Amino acid sequence: MSAVTDPVRVLVVDDHRAFRSGVCALLRTDPGVLVCGEAASGEEAVAAVRAHHPDVVLLDLTMPGMGGVAAAERIVEASPHARVLVLSMADDDHSVLAALRAGARGYLLKGSGRAQILRAVRAVAAGEAALGPSVAARLGAFLAPTPPPVDPFPELTARESDVLALLAQNLTNPQIAARMGIGDKTVRNHVSAIFGKLGVADRAGAAELVRLRGGQAPSSPGESSGAR
């Protein structure tokens, strides 16, 4: 004979009474879930967690007074046994990440189906994470590694790339020398090397190549090669 399992105790927190009642009614359709209390604000939620000792706090984010993120932080800090499951309209990166950083174990969007909500409640109660499909996709995209930047001028040395960037801003050789703290002759040598490596005849050609490869375009027509 299998052991009797205690129902999952859920506290429902939402400032919209009709929506809160609907969620409570949905949860009560599962005999393995017990709605142990309700709250209409973050402050009420913190107090209700202390009073009712829920396993799961089904929490909205946008509420008057203390918002859901602040309430989640308080609940997790004061009552680590209570797992926070967000049920919110907000699906932007800031809201999702703020809730998870505050200690929420799950994040669903309002409009999720009965089966999805009940499954998430049970998963969070068991110590697992529960994310709605769109939230999981958004989080996955946010956490995806950023590809390293592509060097538009791999044929140039780092110093030559710096000179080219300033040249493309229409700076003269003396201005480049002053900006970089090097001599005029050194700048002329770098400019000559840049022209040779890039296969351009003058400063205007180099600046145009910067523009075409995705760099910064000069703000005014470039100087002629005689400026070297």
Foldseek 3Di string as FASTA:
>chain_A
DDDDDAAAEEEEEAQDVVVSVVVQVLQVVDPSYHDQYYYHALVRVLVVCVVRVGQEYAYEADGPDDGRLNSLLSCCVVPVSYAYEYEYQDQDPVVLVSNVVSRHQEYHYPVDDSVLVVVQSVQVSVVHHHYDPSSVVVVCVVPPDDDDDDDLCPVADPVLVLLLLVLQQQDALVRSCVVVVHDSVVSLVSVVVQCVSVVHQFSQVSLVSCVVSPHDGHPDRHDGRVSD
